[in-house]
């Protein structure tokens, strides 16, 4: 299985759960996770996708650590099963208060 197949599956499953898996590109910040997954109820996760058995680079690990130290959920996923587990975990979380129009 290729990384792009897992990424497509993540997008589809996030949409099916009522959310979205945005592609994240941050100019000047190489190594940021591939996707930001948003689910209803204020549930957010930063996701680095890899082909099965592949590991993140040192730069990616450093970026993931920074995001995690800010209290955000960061995961590395290398399988469709990993996608399913993440979305189940996110749906079980309480989340945060939703934004209201000022």
N, C-alpha and C. Protein backbone atom coordinates (compact mmCIF):
# COMPACT_ATOMS: atom_id res chain seq x y z
N UNK A 1 0.84 -1.18 0.00
CA UNK A 1 0.00 0.00 0.00
C UNK A 1 0.89 1.24 0.00
N UNK A 2 0.45 2.25 -0.72
CA UNK A 2 1.23 3.49 -0.82
C UNK A 2 0.68 4.55 0.13
N UNK A 3 1.53 5.52 0.44
CA UNK A 3 1.13 6.61 1.33
C UNK A 3 -0.09 7.34 0.78
N UNK A 4 -0.12 7.56 -0.51
CA UNK A 4 -1.24 8.30 -1.08
C UNK A 4 -2.57 7.56 -0.93
N UNK A 5 -2.52 6.22 -0.91
CA UNK A 5 -3.74 5.44 -0.70
C UNK A 5 -4.27 5.63 0.72
N UNK A 6 -3.37 5.68 1.67
CA UNK A 6 -3.75 5.91 3.07
C UNK A 6 -4.28 7.33 3.24
N UNK A 7 -3.64 8.28 2.56
CA UNK A 7 -4.07 9.67 2.63
C UNK A 7 -5.47 9.84 2.05
N UNK A 8 -5.74 9.19 0.93
CA UNK A 8 -7.07 9.25 0.32
C UNK A 8 -8.11 8.65 1.27
N UNK A 9 -7.76 7.53 1.89
CA UNK A 9 -8.66 6.88 2.82
C UNK A 9 -8.96 7.80 4.02
N UNK A 10 -7.94 8.48 4.52
CA UNK A 10 -8.13 9.43 5.62
C UNK A 10 -9.11 10.53 5.22
N UNK A 11 -8.92 11.11 4.05
CA UNK A 11 -9.83 12.16 3.57
C UNK A 11 -11.27 11.64 3.50
N UNK A 12 -11.44 10.46 2.93
CA UNK A 12 -12.78 9.89 2.77
C UNK A 12 -13.43 9.60 4.12
N UNK A 13 -12.67 9.03 5.04
CA UNK A 13 -13.23 8.65 6.34
C UNK A 13 -13.53 9.89 7.19
N UNK A 14 -12.68 10.90 7.10
CA UNK A 14 -12.95 12.14 7.84
C UNK A 14 -14.24 12.78 7.33
N UNK A 15 -14.42 12.79 6.02
CA UNK A 15 -15.64 13.35 5.43
C UNK A 15 -16.86 12.54 5.87
N UNK A 16 -16.74 11.21 5.87
CA UNK A 16 -17.85 10.35 6.29
C UNK A 16 -18.22 10.58 7.75
N UNK A 17 -17.25 11.02 8.55
CA UNK A 17 -17.49 11.29 9.98
C UNK A 17 -17.99 12.72 10.20
N UNK A 18 -18.24 13.45 9.11
CA UNK A 18 -18.75 14.81 9.23
C UNK A 18 -17.68 15.87 9.33
N UNK A 19 -16.44 15.50 9.05
CA UNK A 19 -15.34 16.45 9.18
C UNK A 19 -14.58 16.62 7.89
N UNK A 20 -13.32 17.01 8.05
CA UNK A 20 -12.47 17.26 6.89
C UNK A 20 -11.01 17.03 7.30
N UNK A 21 -10.23 16.55 6.33
CA UNK A 21 -8.79 16.36 6.54
C UNK A 21 -8.07 17.30 5.58
N UNK A 22 -7.75 18.50 6.08
CA UNK A 22 -7.11 19.51 5.25
C UNK A 22 -5.65 19.17 5.00
N UNK A 23 -5.20 19.38 3.75
CA UNK A 23 -3.78 19.27 3.43
C UNK A 23 -3.11 20.48 4.06
N UNK A 24 -1.98 20.25 4.75
CA UNK A 24 -1.30 21.35 5.42
C UNK A 24 0.04 21.59 4.76
N UNK A 25 0.22 22.78 4.24
CA UNK A 25 1.50 23.24 3.72
C UNK A 25 1.77 24.56 4.43
N UNK A 26 2.91 24.64 5.09
CA UNK A 26 3.25 25.84 5.85
C UNK A 26 4.59 26.38 5.36
N UNK A 27 4.54 27.34 4.44
CA UNK A 27 5.80 27.88 3.90
C UNK A 27 6.76 28.33 5.00
N UNK A 28 8.01 27.92 4.86
CA UNK A 28 9.02 28.28 5.85
C UNK A 28 9.06 27.35 7.04
N UNK A 29 8.17 26.35 7.06
CA UNK A 29 8.10 25.40 8.17
C UNK A 29 8.11 23.98 7.63
N UNK A 30 9.22 23.60 7.04
CA UNK A 30 9.33 22.24 6.50
C UNK A 30 9.12 21.21 7.59
N UNK A 31 8.55 20.08 7.21
CA UNK A 31 8.40 18.97 8.15
C UNK A 31 7.09 18.95 8.91
N UNK A 32 6.19 19.92 8.65
CA UNK A 32 4.90 19.89 9.36
C UNK A 32 4.11 18.67 8.90
N UNK A 33 3.19 18.18 9.74
CA UNK A 33 2.39 17.01 9.36
C UNK A 33 1.61 17.25 8.06
N UNK A 34 1.25 16.16 7.39
CA UNK A 34 0.60 16.23 6.09
C UNK A 34 -0.82 16.79 6.15
N UNK A 35 -1.56 16.42 7.20
CA UNK A 35 -2.98 16.77 7.26
C UNK A 35 -3.37 17.29 8.64
N UNK A 36 -4.36 18.18 8.65
CA UNK A 36 -5.02 18.61 9.88
C UNK A 36 -6.43 18.06 9.79
N UNK A 37 -6.78 17.17 10.70
CA UNK A 37 -8.10 16.54 10.69
C UNK A 37 -8.99 17.26 11.69
N UNK A 38 -10.14 17.71 11.21
CA UNK A 38 -11.13 18.39 12.04
C UNK A 38 -12.41 17.58 12.02
N UNK A 39 -12.91 17.25 13.21
CA UNK A 39 -14.18 16.55 13.34
C UNK A 39 -15.13 17.39 14.18
N UNK A 40 -16.44 17.16 14.04
CA UNK A 40 -17.41 17.92 14.83
C UNK A 40 -17.08 17.87 16.32
N UNK A 41 -17.42 18.96 17.01
CA UNK A 41 -17.21 19.01 18.45
C UNK A 41 -15.85 19.53 18.86
N UNK A 42 -15.14 20.18 17.95
CA UNK A 42 -13.84 20.74 18.31
C UNK A 42 -12.72 19.74 18.38
N UNK A 43 -12.85 18.66 17.67
CA UNK A 43 -11.83 17.61 17.69
C UNK A 43 -10.82 17.86 16.57
N UNK A 44 -9.54 17.94 16.94
CA UNK A 44 -8.48 18.27 15.99
C UNK A 44 -7.30 17.33 16.18
N UNK A 45 -6.72 16.89 15.07
CA UNK A 45 -5.49 16.09 15.13
C UNK A 45 -4.61 16.46 13.94
N UNK A 46 -3.31 16.49 14.18
CA UNK A 46 -2.32 16.70 13.14
C UNK A 46 -1.78 15.33 12.76
N UNK A 47 -1.81 15.01 11.46
CA UNK A 47 -1.50 13.66 11.01
C UNK A 47 -0.36 13.66 10.00
N UNK A 48 0.69 12.90 10.32
CA UNK A 48 1.76 12.62 9.38
C UNK A 48 1.49 11.24 8.80
N UNK A 49 1.39 11.17 7.48
CA UNK A 49 1.11 9.91 6.81
C UNK A 49 2.39 9.33 6.24
N UNK A 50 2.53 8.02 6.36
CA UNK A 50 3.70 7.30 5.87
C UNK A 50 3.26 6.02 5.19
N UNK A 51 4.09 5.53 4.26
CA UNK A 51 3.87 4.21 3.70
C UNK A 51 4.11 3.20 4.83
N UNK A 52 3.47 2.03 4.75
CA UNK A 52 3.64 1.05 5.83
C UNK A 52 5.11 0.79 6.17
N UNK A 53 5.40 0.89 7.46
CA UNK A 53 6.74 0.62 7.96
C UNK A 53 7.72 1.77 7.86
N UNK A 54 7.36 2.84 7.18
CA UNK A 54 8.27 3.99 7.06
C UNK A 54 8.18 4.87 8.31
N UNK A 55 9.25 5.56 8.61
CA UNK A 55 9.34 6.41 9.80
C UNK A 55 9.49 7.88 9.42
N UNK A 56 9.04 8.79 10.29
CA UNK A 56 9.23 10.22 10.03
C UNK A 56 10.71 10.61 10.07
N UNK A 57 11.03 11.67 9.35
CA UNK A 57 12.39 12.20 9.36
C UNK A 57 12.63 12.93 10.69
N UNK A 58 13.88 13.26 10.97
CA UNK A 58 14.22 14.01 12.17
C UNK A 58 13.50 15.35 12.18
N UNK A 59 13.45 16.02 11.04
CA UNK A 59 12.77 17.31 10.94
C UNK A 59 11.27 17.15 11.25
N UNK A 60 10.65 16.11 10.73
CA UNK A 60 9.24 15.86 11.00
C UNK A 60 9.00 15.58 12.49
N UNK A 61 9.88 14.80 13.09
CA UNK A 61 9.76 14.50 14.53
C UNK A 61 9.87 15.78 15.34
N UNK A 62 10.79 16.66 14.96
CA UNK A 62 10.93 17.93 15.67
C UNK A 62 9.67 18.77 15.56
N UNK A 63 9.09 18.87 14.39
CA UNK A 63 7.85 19.62 14.20
C UNK A 63 6.71 18.99 15.01
N UNK A 64 6.62 17.67 14.99
CA UNK A 64 5.58 16.96 15.74
C UNK A 64 5.72 17.23 17.24
N UNK A 65 6.96 17.23 17.72
CA UNK A 65 7.20 17.50 19.13
C UNK A 65 6.76 18.90 19.52
N UNK A 66 7.04 19.88 18.67
CA UNK A 66 6.63 21.26 18.95
C UNK A 66 5.11 21.34 19.05
N UNK A 67 4.42 20.75 18.10
CA UNK A 67 2.95 20.77 18.09
C UNK A 67 2.40 20.06 19.32
N UNK A 68 2.98 18.94 19.67
CA UNK A 68 2.52 18.18 20.84
C UNK A 68 2.75 18.96 22.13
N UNK A 69 3.87 19.68 22.22
CA UNK A 69 4.13 20.47 23.43
C UNK A 69 3.13 21.62 23.58
N UNK A 70 2.47 21.99 22.49
CA UNK A 70 1.41 22.99 22.57
C UNK A 70 0.08 22.37 22.99
N UNK A 71 0.09 21.07 23.25
CA UNK A 71 -1.11 20.39 23.71
C UNK A 71 -2.00 19.85 22.60
N UNK A 72 -1.47 19.78 21.39
CA UNK A 72 -2.25 19.29 20.27
C UNK A 72 -1.96 17.81 20.02
N UNK A 73 -2.97 17.11 19.52
CA UNK A 73 -2.80 15.69 19.20
C UNK A 73 -2.05 15.56 17.88
N UNK A 74 -0.96 14.79 17.90
CA UNK A 74 -0.15 14.54 16.71
C UNK A 74 0.04 13.04 16.58
N UNK A 75 -0.22 12.51 15.38
CA UNK A 75 -0.06 11.07 15.17
C UNK A 75 0.64 10.80 13.84
N UNK A 76 1.32 9.67 13.79
CA UNK A 76 1.90 9.16 12.55
C UNK A 76 1.11 7.92 12.19
N UNK A 77 0.59 7.89 10.98
CA UNK A 77 -0.25 6.78 10.54
C UNK A 77 0.35 6.16 9.29
N UNK A 78 0.43 4.82 9.28
CA UNK A 78 0.97 4.12 8.11
C UNK A 78 0.06 3.00 7.62
N UNK A 79 -1.25 3.08 7.98
CA UNK A 79 -2.19 2.04 7.53
C UNK A 79 -3.62 2.56 7.61
N UNK A 80 -4.50 1.89 6.89
CA UNK A 80 -5.93 2.23 6.97
C UNK A 80 -6.46 1.93 8.37
N UNK A 81 -5.95 0.88 8.99
CA UNK A 81 -6.33 0.55 10.36
C UNK A 81 -5.97 1.69 11.30
N UNK A 82 -4.81 2.31 11.08
CA UNK A 82 -4.40 3.45 11.88
C UNK A 82 -5.34 4.63 11.72
N UNK A 83 -5.84 4.83 10.50
CA UNK A 83 -6.84 5.89 10.24
C UNK A 83 -8.10 5.61 11.04
N UNK A 84 -8.57 4.37 10.97
CA UNK A 84 -9.80 4.00 11.70
C UNK A 84 -9.64 4.21 13.20
N UNK A 85 -8.50 3.81 13.74
CA UNK A 85 -8.25 3.98 15.18
C UNK A 85 -8.22 5.46 15.57
N UNK A 86 -7.57 6.29 14.75
CA UNK A 86 -7.51 7.72 15.05
C UNK A 86 -8.91 8.31 15.08
N UNK A 87 -9.71 8.04 14.06
CA UNK A 87 -11.04 8.65 13.99
C UNK A 87 -11.94 8.17 15.13
N UNK A 88 -11.82 6.90 15.50
CA UNK A 88 -12.57 6.40 16.66
C UNK A 88 -12.15 7.13 17.93
N UNK A 89 -10.86 7.30 18.11
CA UNK A 89 -10.35 8.00 19.28
C UNK A 89 -10.81 9.45 19.29
N UNK A 90 -10.74 10.11 18.15
CA UNK A 90 -11.17 11.51 18.08
C UNK A 90 -12.65 11.66 18.39
N UNK A 91 -13.46 10.75 17.90
CA UNK A 91 -14.90 10.83 18.13
C UNK A 91 -15.25 10.58 19.59
N UNK A 92 -14.40 9.87 20.30
CA UNK A 92 -14.65 9.58 21.71
C UNK A 92 -14.22 10.74 22.61
N UNK A 93 -13.38 11.65 22.11
CA UNK A 93 -12.91 12.78 22.91
C UNK A 93 -14.03 13.79 23.11
N UNK A 94 -13.94 14.51 24.20
CA UNK A 94 -14.93 15.53 24.50
C UNK A 94 -14.84 16.71 23.55
N UNK A 95 -13.64 17.12 23.17
CA UNK A 95 -13.49 18.27 22.30
C UNK A 95 -13.52 19.57 23.09
N UNK A 96 -13.63 20.67 22.38
CA UNK A 96 -13.64 21.99 23.00
C UNK A 96 -14.91 22.74 22.61
N UNK A 97 -15.13 23.84 23.28
CA UNK A 97 -16.31 24.64 22.98
C UNK A 97 -16.24 25.15 21.55
N UNK A 98 -17.36 25.10 20.86
CA UNK A 98 -17.41 25.54 19.47
C UNK A 98 -17.35 27.05 19.35
N UNK A 99 -16.81 27.52 18.25
CA UNK A 99 -16.72 28.94 17.95
C UNK A 99 -18.12 29.48 17.71
N UNK A 100 -18.34 30.69 18.18
CA UNK A 100 -19.62 31.36 17.93
C UNK A 100 -19.34 32.69 17.24
N UNK A 101 -20.20 33.05 16.32
CA UNK A 101 -20.04 34.30 15.59
C UNK A 101 -20.08 35.46 16.56
N UNK A 102 -19.07 36.36 16.55
CA UNK A 102 -19.05 37.50 17.49
C UNK A 102 -20.18 38.48 17.21
